Amino acid sequence: MAQETDTDELVVDFVGGAVGHRFRASEGRGQALAKAAGLMRGVTPDIVDATAGLGRDAFLLASLGANVTLIERSQKMHDLLAQGLERAAAEGGRYAETVARMTLLYGDSSLLLPELKPQVVLVDPMHPPRGNTALVKKEMRQIREIVGTDPDSENLMKVALTFAQNRVVLKWPLRAEPMAGIRKPSHQILGKSTRYDVFVIAKIT
């Protein structure tokens, strides 16, 4: 979760709010994101979250046992993530164990993915604005102000599809048109407001 302080500064929080609740509830690998990323009984791939943002998805995947590399190219968002991870690690116990499986990198995923050659890549670009901007949470408006609009997300997907060893997962609004310029996904996993377009490259073993 990202909290807001009295000065309306964004704070990345993995311990409180909805993220902490899901963590404590231990919802398991039946969640849509976990299934999309290929986590299943006896299979726990290494994952690169190529658009780390608030780190929520990366934290969830790490809590399920995956080693997750987070890449963030916004220096401000990277610093907020680093602070959030440090606070979660200080909680000890399962929080510290989860953070120990997370590696935060600062940089451009399009340049780093060829070096990392990850098993699974998660791409969650800034989504197209809703028609009624009043419905957009203040938190998301703040994030958009920090990280921008990801105009190069199509190129990032092409890089991910080239260098991922097993699969690429595109997190996208449920009813949005498919991302232009890339091939059709192997399959989709639908949530309440989000869908995961899954591009299987090779079976995870």
N, C-alpha and C. Protein backbone atom coordinates (compact mmCIF):
# COMPACT_ATOMS: atom_id res chain seq x y z
N MET A 1 0.85 -1.20 0.00
CA MET A 1 0.00 0.00 0.00
C MET A 1 0.88 1.24 0.00
N ALA A 2 0.38 2.34 -0.59
CA ALA A 2 1.08 3.62 -0.49
C ALA A 2 0.23 4.53 0.38
N GLN A 3 0.76 4.96 1.49
CA GLN A 3 0.03 5.85 2.37
C GLN A 3 0.38 7.29 2.03
N GLU A 4 -0.43 8.22 2.53
CA GLU A 4 -0.14 9.62 2.37
C GLU A 4 0.08 10.24 3.74
N THR A 5 1.14 10.98 3.90
CA THR A 5 1.41 11.65 5.16
C THR A 5 0.64 12.96 5.20
N ASP A 6 0.83 13.72 6.29
CA ASP A 6 0.15 15.00 6.40
C ASP A 6 0.56 15.97 5.31
N THR A 7 1.73 15.74 4.72
CA THR A 7 2.20 16.62 3.65
C THR A 7 1.86 16.05 2.28
N ASP A 8 1.03 15.01 2.27
CA ASP A 8 0.57 14.38 1.04
C ASP A 8 1.72 13.73 0.25
N GLU A 9 2.78 13.40 0.94
CA GLU A 9 3.87 12.68 0.28
C GLU A 9 3.49 11.20 0.19
N LEU A 10 3.85 10.58 -0.92
CA LEU A 10 3.58 9.17 -1.12
C LEU A 10 4.55 8.34 -0.27
N VAL A 11 4.04 7.32 0.42
CA VAL A 11 4.87 6.45 1.24
C VAL A 11 4.55 5.01 0.87
N VAL A 12 5.53 4.25 0.44
CA VAL A 12 5.32 2.84 0.11
C VAL A 12 5.29 2.03 1.40
N ASP A 13 4.19 1.30 1.60
CA ASP A 13 3.98 0.58 2.86
C ASP A 13 3.57 -0.86 2.55
N PHE A 14 4.42 -1.82 2.94
CA PHE A 14 4.12 -3.23 2.74
C PHE A 14 3.53 -3.88 3.99
N VAL A 15 3.47 -3.14 5.09
CA VAL A 15 3.07 -3.73 6.37
C VAL A 15 1.60 -3.44 6.70
N GLY A 16 1.15 -2.22 6.44
CA GLY A 16 -0.21 -1.83 6.77
C GLY A 16 -1.15 -1.93 5.58
N GLY A 17 -2.39 -1.58 5.80
CA GLY A 17 -3.38 -1.48 4.74
C GLY A 17 -3.66 -2.79 4.02
N ALA A 18 -4.11 -2.68 2.76
CA ALA A 18 -4.54 -3.85 1.99
C ALA A 18 -3.41 -4.83 1.73
N VAL A 19 -2.21 -4.31 1.49
CA VAL A 19 -1.07 -5.19 1.22
C VAL A 19 -0.75 -6.04 2.44
N GLY A 20 -0.68 -5.39 3.60
CA GLY A 20 -0.41 -6.13 4.83
C GLY A 20 -1.50 -7.14 5.14
N HIS A 21 -2.75 -6.77 4.86
CA HIS A 21 -3.87 -7.68 5.12
C HIS A 21 -3.75 -8.93 4.25
N ARG A 22 -3.48 -8.73 2.95
CA ARG A 22 -3.35 -9.88 2.05
C ARG A 22 -2.17 -10.75 2.47
N PHE A 23 -1.10 -10.11 2.91
CA PHE A 23 0.08 -10.85 3.34
C PHE A 23 -0.24 -11.73 4.55
N ARG A 24 -0.92 -11.15 5.51
CA ARG A 24 -1.25 -11.89 6.72
C ARG A 24 -2.29 -12.97 6.47
N ALA A 25 -3.15 -12.74 5.46
CA ALA A 25 -4.21 -13.70 5.14
C ALA A 25 -3.67 -14.93 4.42
N SER A 26 -2.47 -14.81 3.85
CA SER A 26 -1.82 -15.93 3.15
C SER A 26 -2.76 -16.58 2.15
N GLU A 27 -3.21 -15.78 1.16
CA GLU A 27 -4.20 -16.26 0.20
C GLU A 27 -3.65 -17.33 -0.74
N GLY A 28 -2.33 -17.45 -0.85
CA GLY A 28 -1.75 -18.56 -1.59
C GLY A 28 -1.64 -18.37 -3.09
N ARG A 29 -1.26 -19.46 -3.74
CA ARG A 29 -0.94 -19.41 -5.16
C ARG A 29 -2.15 -19.48 -6.08
N GLY A 30 -3.34 -19.53 -5.50
CA GLY A 30 -4.55 -19.55 -6.31
C GLY A 30 -4.94 -18.18 -6.82
N GLN A 31 -4.24 -17.13 -6.38
CA GLN A 31 -4.54 -15.77 -6.82
C GLN A 31 -4.19 -15.61 -8.30
N ALA A 32 -4.91 -14.71 -8.96
CA ALA A 32 -4.75 -14.54 -10.40
C ALA A 32 -3.32 -14.21 -10.79
N LEU A 33 -2.67 -13.30 -10.06
CA LEU A 33 -1.32 -12.91 -10.40
C LEU A 33 -0.36 -14.09 -10.29
N ALA A 34 -0.48 -14.85 -9.21
CA ALA A 34 0.40 -16.00 -9.01
C ALA A 34 0.23 -17.01 -10.13
N LYS A 35 -1.01 -17.28 -10.54
CA LYS A 35 -1.25 -18.23 -11.63
C LYS A 35 -0.69 -17.69 -12.94
N ALA A 36 -0.86 -16.40 -13.17
CA ALA A 36 -0.36 -15.80 -14.41
C ALA A 36 1.16 -15.90 -14.49
N ALA A 37 1.83 -15.74 -13.33
CA ALA A 37 3.29 -15.78 -13.30
C ALA A 37 3.84 -17.19 -13.35
N GLY A 38 2.98 -18.19 -13.29
CA GLY A 38 3.42 -19.58 -13.41
C GLY A 38 3.77 -20.25 -12.11
N LEU A 39 3.38 -19.64 -10.97
CA LEU A 39 3.62 -20.29 -9.69
C LEU A 39 2.61 -21.41 -9.51
N MET A 40 3.11 -22.60 -9.27
CA MET A 40 2.24 -23.75 -9.05
C MET A 40 2.96 -24.72 -8.13
N ARG A 41 2.29 -25.78 -7.76
CA ARG A 41 2.87 -26.74 -6.84
C ARG A 41 4.21 -27.25 -7.39
N GLY A 42 5.27 -27.04 -6.64
CA GLY A 42 6.58 -27.53 -7.05
C GLY A 42 7.30 -26.65 -8.05
N VAL A 43 6.69 -25.55 -8.46
CA VAL A 43 7.31 -24.67 -9.45
C VAL A 43 7.29 -23.24 -8.93
N THR A 44 8.48 -22.66 -8.76
CA THR A 44 8.59 -21.29 -8.29
C THR A 44 9.65 -20.57 -9.13
N PRO A 45 9.23 -19.95 -10.23
CA PRO A 45 10.20 -19.30 -11.12
C PRO A 45 10.77 -18.02 -10.53
N ASP A 46 11.95 -17.65 -11.01
CA ASP A 46 12.50 -16.34 -10.71
C ASP A 46 11.79 -15.32 -11.60
N ILE A 47 11.45 -14.17 -11.03
CA ILE A 47 10.60 -13.20 -11.72
C ILE A 47 11.27 -11.83 -11.71
N VAL A 48 11.13 -11.12 -12.83
CA VAL A 48 11.53 -9.72 -12.89
C VAL A 48 10.27 -8.87 -13.05
N ASP A 49 10.04 -7.97 -12.09
CA ASP A 49 8.97 -6.99 -12.21
C ASP A 49 9.58 -5.78 -12.91
N ALA A 50 9.30 -5.66 -14.20
CA ALA A 50 9.99 -4.67 -15.03
C ALA A 50 9.49 -3.26 -14.85
N THR A 51 8.36 -3.10 -14.18
CA THR A 51 7.78 -1.78 -13.92
C THR A 51 7.35 -1.76 -12.46
N ALA A 52 8.29 -1.68 -11.56
CA ALA A 52 8.04 -1.98 -10.14
C ALA A 52 6.97 -1.10 -9.51
N GLY A 53 6.98 0.20 -9.79
CA GLY A 53 5.97 1.07 -9.20
C GLY A 53 5.96 1.01 -7.68
N LEU A 54 4.80 0.68 -7.12
CA LEU A 54 4.65 0.59 -5.67
C LEU A 54 5.16 -0.73 -5.09
N GLY A 55 5.51 -1.67 -5.97
CA GLY A 55 6.08 -2.92 -5.51
C GLY A 55 5.09 -3.92 -4.94
N ARG A 56 3.81 -3.66 -5.06
CA ARG A 56 2.80 -4.52 -4.44
C ARG A 56 2.82 -5.93 -5.03
N ASP A 57 2.83 -6.00 -6.37
CA ASP A 57 2.81 -7.31 -7.02
C ASP A 57 4.09 -8.07 -6.71
N ALA A 58 5.22 -7.38 -6.73
CA ALA A 58 6.49 -8.03 -6.43
C ALA A 58 6.49 -8.58 -5.01
N PHE A 59 5.94 -7.82 -4.07
CA PHE A 59 5.89 -8.25 -2.68
C PHE A 59 5.02 -9.49 -2.53
N LEU A 60 3.88 -9.51 -3.22
CA LEU A 60 2.99 -10.66 -3.17
C LEU A 60 3.70 -11.90 -3.71
N LEU A 61 4.35 -11.76 -4.86
CA LEU A 61 5.03 -12.91 -5.46
C LEU A 61 6.17 -13.40 -4.58
N ALA A 62 6.90 -12.47 -3.99
CA ALA A 62 7.99 -12.86 -3.09
C ALA A 62 7.45 -13.55 -1.84
N SER A 63 6.28 -13.12 -1.37
CA SER A 63 5.68 -13.74 -0.19
C SER A 63 5.28 -15.19 -0.46
N LEU A 64 5.12 -15.53 -1.74
CA LEU A 64 4.76 -16.89 -2.13
C LEU A 64 6.00 -17.73 -2.47
N GLY A 65 7.18 -17.17 -2.22
CA GLY A 65 8.41 -17.94 -2.37
C GLY A 65 9.28 -17.61 -3.56
N ALA A 66 8.81 -16.73 -4.44
CA ALA A 66 9.58 -16.41 -5.64
C ALA A 66 10.69 -15.40 -5.33
N ASN A 67 11.81 -15.56 -5.99
CA ASN A 67 12.84 -14.52 -5.98
C ASN A 67 12.45 -13.49 -7.03
N VAL A 68 12.30 -12.25 -6.62
CA VAL A 68 11.78 -11.21 -7.50
C VAL A 68 12.78 -10.05 -7.59
N THR A 69 13.11 -9.69 -8.81
CA THR A 69 13.92 -8.50 -9.07
C THR A 69 13.00 -7.38 -9.51
N LEU A 70 13.03 -6.27 -8.80
CA LEU A 70 12.21 -5.11 -9.13
C LEU A 70 13.07 -4.09 -9.86
N ILE A 71 12.59 -3.60 -11.00
CA ILE A 71 13.30 -2.56 -11.73
C ILE A 71 12.44 -1.31 -11.77
N GLU A 72 12.99 -0.19 -11.36
CA GLU A 72 12.27 1.09 -11.37
C GLU A 72 13.20 2.16 -11.93
N ARG A 73 12.73 2.87 -12.94
CA ARG A 73 13.58 3.88 -13.58
C ARG A 73 13.36 5.29 -13.06
N SER A 74 12.32 5.48 -12.25
CA SER A 74 12.11 6.77 -11.60
C SER A 74 12.93 6.78 -10.32
N GLN A 75 13.86 7.72 -10.20
CA GLN A 75 14.69 7.78 -9.01
C GLN A 75 13.85 7.99 -7.76
N LYS A 76 12.84 8.85 -7.84
CA LYS A 76 12.01 9.12 -6.67
C LYS A 76 11.24 7.87 -6.26
N MET A 77 10.65 7.16 -7.23
CA MET A 77 9.90 5.95 -6.89
C MET A 77 10.83 4.86 -6.39
N HIS A 78 12.01 4.77 -6.97
CA HIS A 78 13.01 3.80 -6.51
C HIS A 78 13.35 4.05 -5.04
N ASP A 79 13.54 5.33 -4.68
CA ASP A 79 13.88 5.66 -3.30
C ASP A 79 12.73 5.34 -2.35
N LEU A 80 11.49 5.59 -2.78
CA LEU A 80 10.33 5.26 -1.95
C LEU A 80 10.22 3.76 -1.74
N LEU A 81 10.50 3.00 -2.80
CA LEU A 81 10.48 1.54 -2.69
C LEU A 81 11.55 1.06 -1.72
N ALA A 82 12.74 1.61 -1.83
CA ALA A 82 13.84 1.21 -0.96
C ALA A 82 13.48 1.45 0.51
N GLN A 83 12.85 2.59 0.78
CA GLN A 83 12.44 2.90 2.15
C GLN A 83 11.37 1.93 2.63
N GLY A 84 10.41 1.61 1.74
CA GLY A 84 9.35 0.67 2.11
C GLY A 84 9.89 -0.71 2.39
N LEU A 85 10.84 -1.17 1.59
CA LEU A 85 11.44 -2.48 1.81
C LEU A 85 12.23 -2.51 3.11
N GLU A 86 12.91 -1.42 3.40
CA GLU A 86 13.69 -1.34 4.64
C GLU A 86 12.76 -1.43 5.86
N ARG A 87 11.63 -0.72 5.80
CA ARG A 87 10.69 -0.77 6.92
C ARG A 87 10.10 -2.17 7.08
N ALA A 88 9.77 -2.83 5.95
CA ALA A 88 9.20 -4.17 6.03
C ALA A 88 10.21 -5.15 6.60
N ALA A 89 11.48 -5.03 6.18
CA ALA A 89 12.53 -5.92 6.70
C ALA A 89 12.69 -5.75 8.20
N ALA A 90 12.52 -4.52 8.68
CA ALA A 90 12.68 -4.24 10.11
C ALA A 90 11.59 -4.88 10.95
N GLU A 91 10.48 -5.28 10.30
CA GLU A 91 9.40 -5.96 11.03
C GLU A 91 9.81 -7.36 11.45
N GLY A 92 10.83 -7.91 10.76
CA GLY A 92 11.30 -9.25 11.07
C GLY A 92 10.33 -10.32 10.60
N GLY A 93 10.54 -11.56 11.04
CA GLY A 93 9.64 -12.66 10.72
C GLY A 93 9.43 -12.85 9.23
N ARG A 94 8.17 -13.14 8.84
CA ARG A 94 7.85 -13.38 7.44
C ARG A 94 8.10 -12.15 6.57
N TYR A 95 7.93 -10.98 7.15
CA TYR A 95 8.21 -9.77 6.37
C TYR A 95 9.67 -9.74 5.94
N ALA A 96 10.57 -9.98 6.87
CA ALA A 96 11.99 -9.96 6.56
C ALA A 96 12.34 -11.08 5.57
N GLU A 97 11.73 -12.24 5.73
CA GLU A 97 11.98 -13.35 4.82
C GLU A 97 11.53 -13.00 3.40
N THR A 98 10.40 -12.32 3.29
CA THR A 98 9.89 -11.92 1.98
C THR A 98 10.80 -10.90 1.33
N VAL A 99 11.19 -9.88 2.08
CA VAL A 99 12.06 -8.83 1.54
C VAL A 99 13.41 -9.41 1.11
N ALA A 100 13.87 -10.44 1.82
CA ALA A 100 15.15 -11.06 1.47
C ALA A 100 15.12 -11.69 0.09
N ARG A 101 13.93 -11.98 -0.41
CA ARG A 101 13.80 -12.55 -1.76
C ARG A 101 13.60 -11.47 -2.82
N MET A 102 13.67 -10.20 -2.43
CA MET A 102 13.43 -9.09 -3.35
C MET A 102 14.72 -8.30 -3.58
N THR A 103 15.03 -8.06 -4.84
CA THR A 103 16.20 -7.27 -5.22
C THR A 103 15.74 -6.06 -6.01
N LEU A 104 16.05 -4.87 -5.52
CA LEU A 104 15.60 -3.63 -6.17
C LEU A 104 16.73 -3.04 -7.00
N LEU A 105 16.44 -2.79 -8.28
CA LEU A 105 17.41 -2.18 -9.18
C LEU A 105 16.88 -0.85 -9.70
N TYR A 106 17.78 0.10 -9.90
CA TYR A 106 17.42 1.37 -10.52
C TYR A 106 17.92 1.35 -11.96
N GLY A 107 17.01 1.59 -12.90
CA GLY A 107 17.43 1.62 -14.30
C GLY A 107 16.27 1.38 -15.24
N ASP A 108 16.59 1.27 -16.51
CA ASP A 108 15.62 1.08 -17.59
C ASP A 108 15.53 -0.41 -17.89
N SER A 109 14.35 -0.98 -17.73
CA SER A 109 14.17 -2.41 -17.94
C SER A 109 14.53 -2.84 -19.36
N SER A 110 14.30 -1.98 -20.33
CA SER A 110 14.63 -2.34 -21.71
C SER A 110 16.12 -2.60 -21.88
N LEU A 111 16.94 -1.96 -21.06
CA LEU A 111 18.38 -2.16 -21.11
C LEU A 111 18.85 -3.28 -20.18
N LEU A 112 18.13 -3.49 -19.07
CA LEU A 112 18.56 -4.47 -18.08
C LEU A 112 18.08 -5.89 -18.39
N LEU A 113 16.92 -6.04 -19.00
CA LEU A 113 16.39 -7.38 -19.26
C LEU A 113 17.32 -8.25 -20.10
N PRO A 114 17.97 -7.71 -21.14
CA PRO A 114 18.89 -8.57 -21.91
C PRO A 114 20.02 -9.13 -21.06
N GLU A 115 20.43 -8.41 -20.03
CA GLU A 115 21.49 -8.90 -19.15
C GLU A 115 20.96 -9.92 -18.14
N LEU A 116 19.74 -9.70 -17.67
CA LEU A 116 19.18 -10.55 -16.61
C LEU A 116 18.68 -11.90 -17.14
N LYS A 117 18.18 -11.92 -18.37
CA LYS A 117 17.63 -13.14 -18.98
C LYS A 117 16.70 -13.86 -18.00
N PRO A 118 15.66 -13.21 -17.56
CA PRO A 118 14.78 -13.76 -16.51
C PRO A 118 13.91 -14.91 -17.01
N GLN A 119 13.47 -15.73 -16.06
CA GLN A 119 12.51 -16.77 -16.41
C GLN A 119 11.15 -16.14 -16.76
N VAL A 120 10.67 -15.27 -15.88
CA VAL A 120 9.36 -14.64 -16.05
C VAL A 120 9.50 -13.13 -15.92
N VAL A 121 8.84 -12.39 -16.80
CA VAL A 121 8.82 -10.93 -16.73
C VAL A 121 7.39 -10.45 -16.54
N LEU A 122 7.19 -9.60 -15.54
CA LEU A 122 5.90 -8.96 -15.31
C LEU A 122 6.00 -7.51 -15.77
N VAL A 123 5.07 -7.10 -16.63
CA VAL A 123 5.03 -5.73 -17.13
C VAL A 123 3.68 -5.12 -16.76
N ASP A 124 3.73 -4.04 -15.99
CA ASP A 124 2.51 -3.36 -15.55
C ASP A 124 2.68 -1.87 -15.80
N PRO A 125 2.56 -1.46 -17.07
CA PRO A 125 2.78 -0.04 -17.39
C PRO A 125 1.64 0.83 -16.87
N MET A 126 1.89 2.13 -16.83
CA MET A 126 0.81 3.04 -16.48
C MET A 126 -0.31 2.85 -17.49
N HIS A 127 -1.50 2.56 -16.98
CA HIS A 127 -2.60 2.25 -17.86
C HIS A 127 -3.23 3.51 -18.44
N PRO A 128 -3.92 3.36 -19.57
CA PRO A 128 -4.61 4.53 -20.15
C PRO A 128 -5.55 5.16 -19.13
N PRO A 129 -5.58 6.50 -19.03
CA PRO A 129 -6.46 7.15 -18.05
C PRO A 129 -7.91 6.78 -18.29
N ARG A 130 -8.67 6.68 -17.22
CA ARG A 130 -10.10 6.43 -17.35
C ARG A 130 -10.78 7.65 -17.94
N GLY A 131 -11.97 7.40 -18.52
CA GLY A 131 -12.69 8.50 -19.11
C GLY A 131 -13.06 9.57 -18.10
N ASN A 132 -13.45 9.14 -16.91
CA ASN A 132 -13.81 10.07 -15.84
C ASN A 132 -12.64 10.16 -14.87
N THR A 133 -11.83 11.19 -15.01
CA THR A 133 -10.63 11.28 -14.20
C THR A 133 -10.94 11.47 -12.72
N ALA A 134 -12.17 11.88 -12.39
CA ALA A 134 -12.54 12.05 -10.99
C ALA A 134 -12.54 10.71 -10.26
N LEU A 135 -12.64 9.60 -11.04
CA LEU A 135 -12.68 8.28 -10.43
C LEU A 135 -11.28 7.74 -10.12
N VAL A 136 -10.26 8.41 -10.66
CA VAL A 136 -8.90 7.94 -10.45
C VAL A 136 -8.47 8.31 -9.03
N LYS A 137 -7.98 7.34 -8.28
CA LYS A 137 -7.56 7.60 -6.91
C LYS A 137 -6.44 8.63 -6.89
N LYS A 138 -6.44 9.43 -5.82
CA LYS A 138 -5.39 10.43 -5.66
C LYS A 138 -4.02 9.77 -5.69
N GLU A 139 -3.93 8.59 -5.08
CA GLU A 139 -2.68 7.86 -5.05
C GLU A 139 -2.16 7.60 -6.46
N MET A 140 -3.04 7.16 -7.35
CA MET A 140 -2.61 6.86 -8.72
C MET A 140 -2.24 8.12 -9.47
N ARG A 141 -2.92 9.23 -9.18
CA ARG A 141 -2.55 10.49 -9.82
C ARG A 141 -1.14 10.90 -9.39
N GLN A 142 -0.83 10.68 -8.11
CA GLN A 142 0.50 11.01 -7.62
C GLN A 142 1.56 10.16 -8.32
N ILE A 143 1.27 8.88 -8.47
CA ILE A 143 2.23 7.99 -9.12
C ILE A 143 2.45 8.40 -10.57
N ARG A 144 1.36 8.74 -11.25
CA ARG A 144 1.48 9.16 -12.65
C ARG A 144 2.35 10.42 -12.76
N GLU A 145 2.21 11.31 -11.79
CA GLU A 145 3.03 12.53 -11.79
C GLU A 145 4.51 12.20 -11.62
N ILE A 146 4.80 11.13 -10.87
CA ILE A 146 6.19 10.76 -10.60
C ILE A 146 6.79 10.00 -11.78
N VAL A 147 6.08 8.98 -12.26
CA VAL A 147 6.68 8.06 -13.24
C VAL A 147 6.31 8.37 -14.68
N GLY A 148 5.32 9.23 -14.90
CA GLY A 148 4.94 9.55 -16.27
C GLY A 148 3.93 8.57 -16.83
N THR A 149 3.86 8.48 -18.16
CA THR A 149 2.81 7.71 -18.82
C THR A 149 3.31 6.46 -19.53
N ASP A 150 4.58 6.15 -19.42
CA ASP A 150 5.15 4.96 -20.07
C ASP A 150 4.83 4.88 -21.56
N PRO A 151 5.22 5.89 -22.35
CA PRO A 151 4.94 5.86 -23.78
C PRO A 151 5.71 4.77 -24.52
N ASP A 152 6.73 4.21 -23.89
CA ASP A 152 7.55 3.19 -24.53
C ASP A 152 7.20 1.78 -24.06
N SER A 153 5.98 1.59 -23.55
CA SER A 153 5.61 0.28 -23.00
C SER A 153 5.57 -0.80 -24.08
N GLU A 154 5.22 -0.42 -25.31
CA GLU A 154 5.22 -1.41 -26.40
C GLU A 154 6.63 -1.94 -26.64
N ASN A 155 7.60 -1.04 -26.64
CA ASN A 155 8.99 -1.47 -26.83
C ASN A 155 9.45 -2.36 -25.68
N LEU A 156 9.05 -2.01 -24.45
CA LEU A 156 9.42 -2.83 -23.30
C LEU A 156 8.85 -4.23 -23.44
N MET A 157 7.61 -4.34 -23.89
CA MET A 157 7.02 -5.66 -24.08
C MET A 157 7.79 -6.46 -25.12
N LYS A 158 8.21 -5.81 -26.19
CA LYS A 158 8.96 -6.52 -27.23
C LYS A 158 10.30 -7.02 -26.69
N VAL A 159 10.95 -6.21 -25.87
CA VAL A 159 12.21 -6.63 -25.26
C VAL A 159 11.96 -7.81 -24.31
N ALA A 160 10.90 -7.70 -23.51
CA ALA A 160 10.58 -8.78 -22.57
C ALA A 160 10.30 -10.08 -23.30
N LEU A 161 9.56 -10.01 -24.40
CA LEU A 161 9.23 -11.21 -25.16
C LEU A 161 10.47 -11.82 -25.82
N THR A 162 11.46 -11.00 -26.08
CA THR A 162 12.70 -11.48 -26.69
C THR A 162 13.60 -12.17 -25.69
N PHE A 163 13.65 -11.66 -24.46
CA PHE A 163 14.65 -12.14 -23.51
C PHE A 163 14.12 -12.98 -22.36
N ALA A 164 12.81 -13.01 -22.14
CA ALA A 164 12.27 -13.89 -21.10
C ALA A 164 12.42 -15.34 -21.54
N GLN A 165 12.77 -16.20 -20.60
CA GLN A 165 12.99 -17.60 -20.93
C GLN A 165 11.70 -18.41 -20.95
N ASN A 166 10.74 -18.05 -20.09
CA ASN A 166 9.55 -18.88 -19.95
C ASN A 166 8.24 -18.19 -20.29
N ARG A 167 8.04 -16.99 -19.75
CA ARG A 167 6.78 -16.30 -20.03
C ARG A 167 6.88 -14.82 -19.70
N VAL A 168 5.98 -14.06 -20.31
CA VAL A 168 5.82 -12.63 -20.03
C VAL A 168 4.37 -12.42 -19.64
N VAL A 169 4.16 -11.64 -18.60
CA VAL A 169 2.81 -11.34 -18.13
C VAL A 169 2.58 -9.84 -18.24
N LEU A 170 1.56 -9.45 -18.99
CA LEU A 170 1.17 -8.05 -19.12
C LEU A 170 -0.08 -7.82 -18.27
N LYS A 171 0.05 -6.95 -17.28
CA LYS A 171 -1.09 -6.58 -16.43
C LYS A 171 -1.78 -5.40 -17.08
N TRP A 172 -3.08 -5.53 -17.34
CA TRP A 172 -3.78 -4.55 -18.19
C TRP A 172 -5.21 -4.40 -17.69
N PRO A 173 -5.82 -3.23 -17.89
CA PRO A 173 -7.22 -3.06 -17.46
C PRO A 173 -8.13 -4.10 -18.12
N LEU A 174 -9.10 -4.58 -17.38
CA LEU A 174 -9.93 -5.69 -17.82
C LEU A 174 -10.55 -5.47 -19.20
N ARG A 175 -11.08 -4.28 -19.43
CA ARG A 175 -11.81 -4.05 -20.68
C ARG A 175 -11.02 -3.21 -21.70
N ALA A 176 -9.75 -3.00 -21.44
CA ALA A 176 -8.94 -2.21 -22.38
C ALA A 176 -8.63 -3.03 -23.63
N GLU A 177 -8.43 -2.33 -24.73
CA GLU A 177 -8.02 -2.98 -25.97
C GLU A 177 -6.65 -3.61 -25.78
N PRO A 178 -6.34 -4.69 -26.51
CA PRO A 178 -5.00 -5.28 -26.40
C PRO A 178 -3.93 -4.25 -26.74
N MET A 179 -2.75 -4.40 -26.12
CA MET A 179 -1.66 -3.50 -26.45
C MET A 179 -1.29 -3.66 -27.93
N ALA A 180 -1.20 -2.55 -28.62
CA ALA A 180 -0.89 -2.59 -30.05
C ALA A 180 0.55 -3.00 -30.28
N GLY A 181 0.79 -3.63 -31.41
CA GLY A 181 2.16 -3.89 -31.84
C GLY A 181 2.79 -5.16 -31.32
N ILE A 182 2.07 -5.95 -30.52
CA ILE A 182 2.63 -7.20 -30.01
C ILE A 182 1.67 -8.35 -30.35
N ARG A 183 2.20 -9.55 -30.33
CA ARG A 183 1.40 -10.72 -30.70
C ARG A 183 0.32 -11.00 -29.67
N LYS A 184 -0.61 -11.86 -30.06
CA LYS A 184 -1.70 -12.22 -29.16
C LYS A 184 -1.15 -13.07 -28.02
N PRO A 185 -1.72 -12.91 -26.83
CA PRO A 185 -1.26 -13.72 -25.69
C PRO A 185 -1.65 -15.18 -25.86
N SER A 186 -0.93 -16.04 -25.16
CA SER A 186 -1.25 -17.46 -25.17
C SER A 186 -2.59 -17.70 -24.48
N HIS A 187 -2.81 -16.97 -23.39
CA HIS A 187 -4.09 -17.03 -22.69
C HIS A 187 -4.20 -15.82 -21.78
N GLN A 188 -5.38 -15.65 -21.20
CA GLN A 188 -5.64 -14.54 -20.29
C GLN A 188 -6.21 -15.06 -18.98
N ILE A 189 -5.90 -14.37 -17.90
CA ILE A 189 -6.50 -14.65 -16.60
C ILE A 189 -7.20 -13.37 -16.17
N LEU A 190 -8.49 -13.45 -15.92
CA LEU A 190 -9.30 -12.27 -15.66
C LEU A 190 -9.56 -12.08 -14.18
N GLY A 191 -9.41 -10.82 -13.74
CA GLY A 191 -9.78 -10.45 -12.38
C GLY A 191 -11.00 -9.56 -12.42
N LYS A 192 -11.27 -8.87 -11.31
CA LYS A 192 -12.45 -8.01 -11.25
C LYS A 192 -12.29 -6.76 -12.10
N SER A 193 -11.13 -6.14 -12.07
CA SER A 193 -10.92 -4.92 -12.86
C SER A 193 -9.64 -5.00 -13.68
N THR A 194 -8.92 -6.10 -13.55
CA THR A 194 -7.63 -6.26 -14.21
C THR A 194 -7.60 -7.60 -14.92
N ARG A 195 -6.86 -7.66 -16.01
CA ARG A 195 -6.61 -8.95 -16.65
C ARG A 195 -5.10 -9.13 -16.82
N TYR A 196 -4.71 -10.38 -16.89
CA TYR A 196 -3.31 -10.71 -17.12
C TYR A 196 -3.21 -11.40 -18.48
N ASP A 197 -2.56 -10.74 -19.42
CA ASP A 197 -2.29 -11.34 -20.72
C ASP A 197 -0.99 -12.11 -20.59
N VAL A 198 -1.05 -13.42 -20.77
CA VAL A 198 0.09 -14.30 -20.53
C VAL A 198 0.66 -14.77 -21.87
N PHE A 199 1.95 -14.55 -22.05
CA PHE A 199 2.64 -14.95 -23.27
C PHE A 199 3.63 -16.05 -22.90
N VAL A 200 3.25 -17.29 -23.16
CA VAL A 200 4.09 -18.43 -22.80
C VAL A 200 5.16 -18.62 -23.88
N ILE A 201 6.40 -18.67 -23.45
CA ILE A 201 7.53 -18.86 -24.36
C ILE A 201 8.05 -20.29 -24.26
N ALA A 202 8.16 -20.80 -23.05
CA ALA A 202 8.60 -22.17 -22.82
C ALA A 202 8.02 -22.64 -21.50
N LYS A 203 7.80 -23.93 -21.39
CA LYS A 203 7.25 -24.48 -20.16
C LYS A 203 8.29 -24.37 -19.05
N ILE A 204 7.86 -23.93 -17.89
CA ILE A 204 8.75 -23.81 -16.73
C ILE A 204 8.97 -25.21 -16.15
N THR A 205 10.22 -25.56 -15.94
CA THR A 205 10.54 -26.87 -15.37
C THR A 205 11.34 -26.70 -14.11
